[in-house]
N, C-alpha and C. Protein backbone atom coordinates (compact mmCIF):
# COMPACT_ATOMS: atom_id res chain seq x y z
N MET A 1 188.56 -82.15 105.97
CA MET A 1 189.23 -81.36 106.98
C MET A 1 188.33 -81.22 108.20
N ALA A 2 188.93 -81.39 109.35
CA ALA A 2 188.22 -81.20 110.61
C ALA A 2 188.78 -79.96 111.31
N PHE A 3 187.92 -79.28 112.04
CA PHE A 3 188.31 -78.04 112.71
C PHE A 3 187.89 -78.05 114.17
N VAL A 4 188.58 -77.24 114.97
CA VAL A 4 188.14 -76.91 116.32
C VAL A 4 188.09 -75.39 116.40
N PHE A 5 187.38 -74.90 117.40
CA PHE A 5 187.19 -73.47 117.56
C PHE A 5 187.71 -73.05 118.93
N MET A 6 188.72 -72.17 118.91
CA MET A 6 189.32 -71.69 120.15
C MET A 6 188.67 -70.35 120.50
N LEU A 7 188.31 -70.21 121.77
CA LEU A 7 187.68 -68.98 122.23
C LEU A 7 188.61 -68.23 123.17
N LYS A 8 188.80 -66.94 122.88
CA LYS A 8 189.60 -66.06 123.72
C LYS A 8 188.81 -64.79 124.00
N HIS A 9 189.19 -64.12 125.07
CA HIS A 9 188.64 -62.79 125.37
C HIS A 9 189.81 -61.83 125.32
N ILE A 10 189.74 -60.85 124.42
CA ILE A 10 190.85 -59.93 124.20
C ILE A 10 190.32 -58.50 124.24
N TYR A 11 190.97 -57.67 125.04
CA TYR A 11 190.59 -56.25 125.05
C TYR A 11 191.84 -55.38 125.11
N LYS A 12 191.70 -54.15 124.63
CA LYS A 12 192.79 -53.18 124.62
C LYS A 12 192.67 -52.26 125.82
N PHE A 13 193.82 -51.79 126.27
CA PHE A 13 193.87 -50.75 127.29
C PHE A 13 195.16 -49.96 127.11
N THR A 14 195.23 -48.81 127.72
CA THR A 14 196.43 -47.99 127.65
C THR A 14 197.16 -48.10 128.98
N ASP A 15 198.45 -48.45 128.92
CA ASP A 15 199.21 -48.61 130.16
C ASP A 15 199.66 -47.26 130.70
N SER A 16 200.37 -47.28 131.82
CA SER A 16 200.77 -46.05 132.49
C SER A 16 201.76 -45.22 131.67
N LYS A 17 202.41 -45.84 130.68
CA LYS A 17 203.34 -45.10 129.82
C LYS A 17 202.66 -44.59 128.55
N GLY A 18 201.36 -44.86 128.43
CA GLY A 18 200.61 -44.40 127.26
C GLY A 18 200.64 -45.34 126.08
N TYR A 19 201.19 -46.56 126.26
CA TYR A 19 201.22 -47.53 125.18
C TYR A 19 199.94 -48.35 125.16
N GLU A 20 199.49 -48.66 123.97
CA GLU A 20 198.32 -49.52 123.81
C GLU A 20 198.75 -50.96 124.10
N GLN A 21 198.02 -51.64 124.97
CA GLN A 21 198.32 -53.01 125.36
C GLN A 21 197.09 -53.89 125.11
N PHE A 22 197.31 -55.19 125.14
CA PHE A 22 196.23 -56.15 124.99
C PHE A 22 196.24 -57.11 126.17
N GLU A 23 195.08 -57.45 126.65
CA GLU A 23 194.91 -58.51 127.66
C GLU A 23 194.22 -59.65 126.93
N ASP A 24 194.75 -60.84 127.05
CA ASP A 24 194.31 -61.99 126.27
C ASP A 24 194.03 -63.15 127.23
N LYS A 25 192.79 -63.63 127.26
CA LYS A 25 192.42 -64.75 128.12
C LYS A 25 191.94 -65.92 127.25
N PHE A 26 192.57 -67.07 127.42
CA PHE A 26 192.14 -68.28 126.73
C PHE A 26 190.96 -68.87 127.50
N LEU A 27 189.84 -69.14 126.80
CA LEU A 27 188.63 -69.60 127.48
C LEU A 27 188.25 -71.04 127.18
N GLY A 28 188.60 -71.56 126.03
CA GLY A 28 188.25 -72.95 125.76
C GLY A 28 188.37 -73.32 124.29
N ILE A 29 188.24 -74.63 124.03
CA ILE A 29 188.27 -75.17 122.68
C ILE A 29 186.97 -75.94 122.48
N TYR A 30 186.32 -75.72 121.34
CA TYR A 30 185.00 -76.28 121.09
C TYR A 30 184.96 -76.98 119.74
N SER A 31 184.06 -77.93 119.63
CA SER A 31 183.99 -78.79 118.45
C SER A 31 183.23 -78.17 117.29
N CYS A 32 182.42 -77.16 117.54
CA CYS A 32 181.64 -76.55 116.47
C CYS A 32 181.27 -75.11 116.83
N GLU A 33 180.81 -74.38 115.84
CA GLU A 33 180.48 -72.97 116.05
C GLU A 33 179.34 -72.79 117.04
N LYS A 34 178.38 -73.69 117.05
CA LYS A 34 177.28 -73.58 117.99
C LYS A 34 177.78 -73.64 119.43
N GLU A 35 178.68 -74.58 119.71
CA GLU A 35 179.22 -74.73 121.07
C GLU A 35 180.01 -73.50 121.51
N VAL A 36 180.83 -72.96 120.59
CA VAL A 36 181.62 -71.79 120.96
C VAL A 36 180.72 -70.58 121.17
N ASN A 37 179.67 -70.43 120.39
CA ASN A 37 178.73 -69.32 120.58
C ASN A 37 177.93 -69.48 121.87
N ASP A 38 177.60 -70.71 122.24
CA ASP A 38 176.94 -70.96 123.53
C ASP A 38 177.87 -70.55 124.68
N ALA A 39 179.16 -70.85 124.54
CA ALA A 39 180.14 -70.49 125.57
C ALA A 39 180.23 -68.97 125.71
N ILE A 40 180.22 -68.26 124.60
CA ILE A 40 180.24 -66.80 124.66
C ILE A 40 179.06 -66.29 125.47
N GLY A 41 177.91 -66.88 125.25
CA GLY A 41 176.73 -66.49 126.02
C GLY A 41 176.92 -66.71 127.52
N ARG A 42 177.56 -67.79 127.89
CA ARG A 42 177.81 -68.07 129.31
C ARG A 42 178.82 -67.09 129.91
N TYR A 43 179.89 -66.82 129.18
CA TYR A 43 180.93 -65.92 129.69
C TYR A 43 180.48 -64.46 129.71
N PHE A 44 179.71 -64.05 128.71
CA PHE A 44 179.35 -62.65 128.54
C PHE A 44 178.65 -62.06 129.75
N VAL A 45 177.96 -62.87 130.53
CA VAL A 45 177.22 -62.36 131.69
C VAL A 45 178.05 -62.37 132.97
N LEU A 46 179.25 -62.94 132.93
CA LEU A 46 180.08 -63.04 134.13
C LEU A 46 180.79 -61.73 134.44
N SER A 47 181.10 -61.56 135.71
CA SER A 47 181.82 -60.38 136.18
C SER A 47 183.12 -60.21 135.39
N GLY A 48 183.44 -59.00 135.05
CA GLY A 48 184.63 -58.70 134.26
C GLY A 48 184.33 -58.77 132.77
N PHE A 49 183.88 -59.92 132.31
CA PHE A 49 183.56 -60.06 130.89
C PHE A 49 182.42 -59.13 130.49
N ASN A 50 181.47 -58.93 131.42
CA ASN A 50 180.30 -58.11 131.10
C ASN A 50 180.62 -56.62 131.02
N GLN A 51 181.87 -56.24 131.28
CA GLN A 51 182.27 -54.84 131.18
C GLN A 51 182.80 -54.49 129.79
N TYR A 52 182.87 -55.47 128.92
CA TYR A 52 183.43 -55.26 127.58
C TYR A 52 182.42 -55.69 126.52
N PRO A 53 182.53 -55.11 125.33
CA PRO A 53 181.58 -55.49 124.27
C PRO A 53 181.78 -56.93 123.81
N ARG A 54 180.77 -57.46 123.22
CA ARG A 54 180.78 -58.84 122.74
C ARG A 54 181.91 -59.08 121.73
N GLU A 55 182.34 -58.03 121.04
CA GLU A 55 183.41 -58.15 120.05
C GLU A 55 184.74 -58.54 120.67
N CYS A 56 184.86 -58.43 122.00
CA CYS A 56 186.10 -58.83 122.67
C CYS A 56 186.26 -60.35 122.72
N PHE A 57 185.18 -61.07 122.45
CA PHE A 57 185.27 -62.52 122.36
C PHE A 57 185.74 -62.87 120.95
N VAL A 58 186.89 -63.51 120.86
CA VAL A 58 187.51 -63.81 119.58
C VAL A 58 187.49 -65.32 119.37
N ILE A 59 187.00 -65.72 118.22
CA ILE A 59 186.95 -67.13 117.86
C ILE A 59 188.02 -67.39 116.81
N GLU A 60 188.88 -68.36 117.08
CA GLU A 60 189.88 -68.78 116.11
C GLU A 60 189.51 -70.17 115.62
N LYS A 61 189.48 -70.33 114.33
CA LYS A 61 189.17 -71.63 113.73
C LYS A 61 190.49 -72.30 113.36
N TRP A 62 190.75 -73.47 113.95
CA TRP A 62 191.99 -74.20 113.74
C TRP A 62 191.72 -75.53 113.05
N GLU A 63 192.47 -75.79 112.01
CA GLU A 63 192.37 -77.09 111.33
C GLU A 63 193.14 -78.13 112.14
N ILE A 64 192.52 -79.27 112.35
CA ILE A 64 193.14 -80.36 113.12
C ILE A 64 194.17 -81.07 112.24
N ASP A 65 195.25 -81.54 112.86
CA ASP A 65 196.31 -82.29 112.20
C ASP A 65 197.04 -81.47 111.13
N LYS A 66 197.22 -80.18 111.41
CA LYS A 66 197.94 -79.30 110.50
C LYS A 66 198.90 -78.44 111.30
N ASP A 67 200.16 -78.37 110.88
CA ASP A 67 201.13 -77.49 111.52
C ASP A 67 200.72 -76.05 111.22
N THR A 68 200.70 -75.20 112.26
CA THR A 68 200.28 -73.83 112.04
C THR A 68 201.32 -72.80 112.48
N SER A 69 202.10 -73.09 113.49
CA SER A 69 203.02 -72.10 114.04
C SER A 69 204.39 -72.71 114.28
N TRP A 70 205.37 -71.84 114.46
CA TRP A 70 206.74 -72.22 114.80
C TRP A 70 207.35 -73.14 113.74
N LYS A 71 206.96 -72.98 112.49
CA LYS A 71 207.42 -73.85 111.42
C LYS A 71 208.91 -73.70 111.14
N GLU A 72 209.49 -72.58 111.56
CA GLU A 72 210.92 -72.36 111.34
C GLU A 72 211.75 -72.73 112.56
N GLY A 73 211.11 -73.22 113.63
CA GLY A 73 211.80 -73.49 114.87
C GLY A 73 211.72 -72.29 115.79
N PHE A 74 212.51 -72.29 116.87
CA PHE A 74 212.51 -71.15 117.77
C PHE A 74 213.88 -70.99 118.41
N ILE A 75 214.10 -69.80 118.96
CA ILE A 75 215.29 -69.50 119.73
C ILE A 75 214.85 -68.71 120.95
N LYS A 76 215.66 -68.71 121.98
CA LYS A 76 215.37 -67.89 123.15
C LYS A 76 215.53 -66.43 122.77
N SER A 77 214.69 -65.59 123.32
CA SER A 77 214.74 -64.17 122.97
C SER A 77 216.09 -63.56 123.27
N PHE A 78 216.73 -63.99 124.36
CA PHE A 78 218.02 -63.39 124.70
C PHE A 78 219.12 -63.84 123.75
N GLU A 79 218.87 -64.91 122.96
CA GLU A 79 219.83 -65.32 121.95
C GLU A 79 219.68 -64.50 120.67
N ALA A 80 218.52 -63.91 120.48
CA ALA A 80 218.24 -63.19 119.25
C ALA A 80 218.92 -61.83 119.21
N ASN A 81 218.90 -61.12 120.30
CA ASN A 81 219.48 -59.78 120.37
C ASN A 81 219.86 -59.48 121.80
N LYS A 82 220.67 -58.45 122.00
CA LYS A 82 220.96 -58.01 123.36
C LYS A 82 219.69 -57.41 123.94
N LEU A 83 219.43 -57.72 125.18
CA LEU A 83 218.25 -57.18 125.83
C LEU A 83 218.63 -55.99 126.69
N LYS A 84 217.74 -55.02 126.74
CA LYS A 84 217.97 -53.87 127.60
C LYS A 84 217.36 -54.10 128.98
N LYS A 85 216.49 -55.10 129.07
CA LYS A 85 215.90 -55.47 130.36
C LYS A 85 216.20 -56.94 130.61
N ILE A 86 216.03 -57.36 131.81
CA ILE A 86 216.27 -58.76 132.16
C ILE A 86 215.01 -59.57 131.86
N ALA A 87 215.08 -60.38 130.81
CA ALA A 87 213.93 -61.18 130.41
C ALA A 87 213.59 -62.25 131.45
N GLU A 88 214.59 -62.65 132.27
CA GLU A 88 214.35 -63.69 133.25
C GLU A 88 213.21 -63.37 134.21
N LYS A 89 212.96 -62.11 134.46
CA LYS A 89 211.89 -61.77 135.41
C LYS A 89 210.52 -62.18 134.87
N TYR A 90 210.43 -62.44 133.57
CA TYR A 90 209.16 -62.85 132.99
C TYR A 90 208.99 -64.36 133.01
N ASP A 91 210.10 -65.09 133.14
CA ASP A 91 210.01 -66.54 133.21
C ASP A 91 211.28 -67.07 133.88
N GLU A 92 211.25 -67.16 135.20
CA GLU A 92 212.44 -67.54 135.94
C GLU A 92 212.87 -68.98 135.66
N ASN A 93 211.97 -69.82 135.18
CA ASN A 93 212.32 -71.22 134.93
C ASN A 93 213.16 -71.40 133.66
N THR A 94 212.90 -70.61 132.64
CA THR A 94 213.60 -70.81 131.37
C THR A 94 214.51 -69.67 131.00
N GLY A 95 214.54 -68.60 131.80
CA GLY A 95 215.42 -67.49 131.50
C GLY A 95 214.95 -66.65 130.34
N GLY A 96 213.67 -66.55 130.12
CA GLY A 96 213.14 -65.72 129.05
C GLY A 96 211.92 -66.36 128.44
N PHE A 97 211.66 -66.02 127.22
CA PHE A 97 210.54 -66.62 126.50
C PHE A 97 211.03 -66.91 125.09
N ASP A 98 210.31 -67.70 124.38
CA ASP A 98 210.74 -68.14 123.06
C ASP A 98 210.20 -67.22 121.98
N VAL A 99 210.98 -67.06 120.93
CA VAL A 99 210.55 -66.33 119.75
C VAL A 99 210.88 -67.19 118.54
N SER A 100 210.16 -66.97 117.45
CA SER A 100 210.43 -67.71 116.22
C SER A 100 211.83 -67.42 115.74
N SER A 101 212.49 -68.44 115.18
CA SER A 101 213.87 -68.27 114.75
C SER A 101 213.99 -67.27 113.60
N TRP A 102 212.93 -67.01 112.86
CA TRP A 102 213.01 -66.04 111.77
C TRP A 102 213.20 -64.61 112.28
N LEU A 103 213.09 -64.40 113.60
CA LEU A 103 213.27 -63.07 114.18
C LEU A 103 214.73 -62.72 114.43
N LEU A 104 215.63 -63.67 114.21
CA LEU A 104 217.05 -63.43 114.46
C LEU A 104 217.50 -62.15 113.76
N GLY A 105 218.00 -61.21 114.55
CA GLY A 105 218.49 -59.95 114.01
C GLY A 105 217.45 -58.88 113.78
N LYS A 106 216.18 -59.18 114.00
CA LYS A 106 215.13 -58.17 113.79
C LYS A 106 215.04 -57.27 115.01
N MET A 107 215.07 -55.98 114.77
CA MET A 107 215.05 -54.99 115.85
C MET A 107 213.96 -53.96 115.56
N PRO A 108 213.39 -53.39 116.63
CA PRO A 108 212.44 -52.28 116.41
C PRO A 108 213.17 -51.06 115.84
N MET A 109 212.43 -50.28 115.06
CA MET A 109 212.97 -49.02 114.57
C MET A 109 212.92 -48.00 115.71
N ILE A 110 213.67 -46.94 115.59
CA ILE A 110 213.69 -45.90 116.62
C ILE A 110 212.26 -45.39 116.83
N ASN A 111 211.86 -45.34 118.09
CA ASN A 111 210.53 -44.87 118.52
C ASN A 111 209.37 -45.75 118.04
N GLU A 112 209.66 -46.94 117.55
CA GLU A 112 208.60 -47.85 117.12
C GLU A 112 208.01 -48.53 118.34
N ARG A 113 206.70 -48.43 118.51
CA ARG A 113 206.04 -49.06 119.64
C ARG A 113 205.93 -50.57 119.40
N PRO A 114 205.79 -51.35 120.48
CA PRO A 114 205.74 -52.82 120.33
C PRO A 114 204.68 -53.30 119.33
N ILE A 115 203.51 -52.70 119.34
CA ILE A 115 202.46 -53.15 118.42
C ILE A 115 202.82 -52.80 116.97
N GLU A 116 203.49 -51.67 116.77
CA GLU A 116 203.94 -51.30 115.42
C GLU A 116 205.04 -52.26 114.95
N PHE A 117 205.93 -52.62 115.87
CA PHE A 117 206.98 -53.59 115.60
C PHE A 117 206.37 -54.92 115.14
N ALA A 118 205.39 -55.40 115.89
CA ALA A 118 204.72 -56.67 115.56
C ALA A 118 204.03 -56.58 114.20
N ASN A 119 203.31 -55.50 113.96
CA ASN A 119 202.61 -55.33 112.67
C ASN A 119 203.60 -55.31 111.50
N ARG A 120 204.71 -54.59 111.67
CA ARG A 120 205.71 -54.50 110.60
C ARG A 120 206.31 -55.88 110.29
N LEU A 121 206.67 -56.62 111.35
CA LEU A 121 207.31 -57.92 111.12
C LEU A 121 206.33 -58.94 110.54
N MET A 122 205.09 -58.91 110.98
CA MET A 122 204.10 -59.83 110.41
C MET A 122 203.88 -59.51 108.93
N THR A 123 203.85 -58.22 108.60
CA THR A 123 203.68 -57.83 107.20
C THR A 123 204.90 -58.21 106.37
N GLU A 124 206.11 -58.03 106.94
CA GLU A 124 207.32 -58.45 106.23
C GLU A 124 207.30 -59.94 105.94
N LYS A 125 206.85 -60.74 106.90
CA LYS A 125 206.89 -62.19 106.73
C LYS A 125 205.76 -62.71 105.85
N TYR A 126 204.55 -62.22 106.08
CA TYR A 126 203.38 -62.81 105.41
C TYR A 126 202.85 -61.96 104.27
N GLY A 127 203.27 -60.70 104.18
CA GLY A 127 202.80 -59.82 103.12
C GLY A 127 201.70 -58.89 103.60
N GLU A 128 201.58 -57.76 102.93
CA GLU A 128 200.57 -56.75 103.25
C GLU A 128 199.17 -57.35 103.12
N ASN A 129 198.36 -57.20 104.13
CA ASN A 129 196.98 -57.71 104.17
C ASN A 129 196.91 -59.22 103.91
N ASN A 130 197.98 -59.93 104.23
CA ASN A 130 198.03 -61.36 103.94
C ASN A 130 198.14 -62.20 105.20
N TRP A 131 197.92 -61.59 106.37
CA TRP A 131 197.95 -62.33 107.62
C TRP A 131 196.70 -62.00 108.42
N ASN A 132 196.14 -63.04 109.03
CA ASN A 132 194.89 -62.92 109.75
C ASN A 132 195.07 -63.54 111.13
N LEU A 133 194.83 -62.74 112.17
CA LEU A 133 195.03 -63.22 113.53
C LEU A 133 194.05 -64.32 113.91
N ASP A 134 192.94 -64.42 113.21
CA ASP A 134 191.96 -65.45 113.52
C ASP A 134 192.27 -66.77 112.83
N GLU A 135 193.39 -66.84 112.15
CA GLU A 135 193.76 -68.07 111.45
C GLU A 135 195.10 -68.61 111.95
N GLY A 136 195.24 -68.65 113.27
CA GLY A 136 196.39 -69.31 113.87
C GLY A 136 197.63 -68.46 114.07
N LEU A 137 197.55 -67.17 113.83
CA LEU A 137 198.74 -66.33 113.96
C LEU A 137 198.71 -65.43 115.20
N ARG A 138 197.65 -65.49 115.98
CA ARG A 138 197.52 -64.59 117.13
C ARG A 138 198.64 -64.82 118.16
N GLU A 139 198.99 -66.08 118.43
CA GLU A 139 200.05 -66.37 119.41
C GLU A 139 201.38 -65.77 118.96
N GLU A 140 201.71 -65.95 117.69
CA GLU A 140 202.95 -65.40 117.16
C GLU A 140 202.92 -63.87 117.25
N TYR A 141 201.82 -63.25 116.91
CA TYR A 141 201.66 -61.81 116.96
C TYR A 141 201.80 -61.29 118.40
N ASN A 142 201.13 -61.94 119.34
CA ASN A 142 201.21 -61.53 120.74
C ASN A 142 202.63 -61.69 121.29
N ASP A 143 203.34 -62.74 120.87
CA ASP A 143 204.73 -62.92 121.29
C ASP A 143 205.61 -61.80 120.76
N LEU A 144 205.35 -61.35 119.54
CA LEU A 144 206.11 -60.23 118.98
C LEU A 144 205.88 -58.96 119.78
N ILE A 145 204.64 -58.72 120.17
CA ILE A 145 204.34 -57.53 120.98
C ILE A 145 205.08 -57.62 122.31
N LEU A 146 205.00 -58.78 122.98
CA LEU A 146 205.68 -58.97 124.25
C LEU A 146 207.18 -58.78 124.09
N TRP A 147 207.74 -59.37 123.05
CA TRP A 147 209.16 -59.26 122.81
C TRP A 147 209.55 -57.79 122.62
N GLY A 148 208.77 -57.06 121.87
CA GLY A 148 209.02 -55.64 121.68
C GLY A 148 208.92 -54.85 122.97
N GLU A 149 208.01 -55.25 123.85
CA GLU A 149 207.82 -54.53 125.12
C GLU A 149 208.98 -54.73 126.08
N ILE A 150 209.38 -55.98 126.31
CA ILE A 150 210.36 -56.20 127.38
C ILE A 150 211.80 -56.20 126.91
N CYS A 151 212.03 -56.40 125.64
CA CYS A 151 213.41 -56.51 125.18
C CYS A 151 213.98 -55.20 124.64
N PHE A 152 213.15 -54.34 124.16
CA PHE A 152 213.67 -53.18 123.45
C PHE A 152 213.10 -51.88 123.97
N GLU A 153 212.58 -51.90 125.18
CA GLU A 153 211.97 -50.70 125.73
C GLU A 153 213.02 -49.64 125.99
């Protein structure tokens, strides 16, 4: 098995409505752990990055030549449920964003925040303590949070 290492910078903040949000920056793909750790050293001293702890640098290990995401296909978010907001403002070219087809009919519970919605659905799909964001599921998780934020606010 061969692997690559994806480097992201992720930090939490509270938005103006009091919801916990995440900012996620893709920084690069590296051939080995030494290279990705060297990259962290280069980024850590740069403006903006140096305002956050080193733990905000997230390394994802991806196996090459292996399907990891979207195994069930996808549907447009506006096809999955009625939206309370216009999803087109987030992507004028495609009229929304894509979600995994297994989300068809899944709705947030009353007063459920987007991050709680994402956690619940990931646990329903993969099982309690059986999903790890550092093993190829971060994109799916972040899409669930976004979907919860703009579609069901």
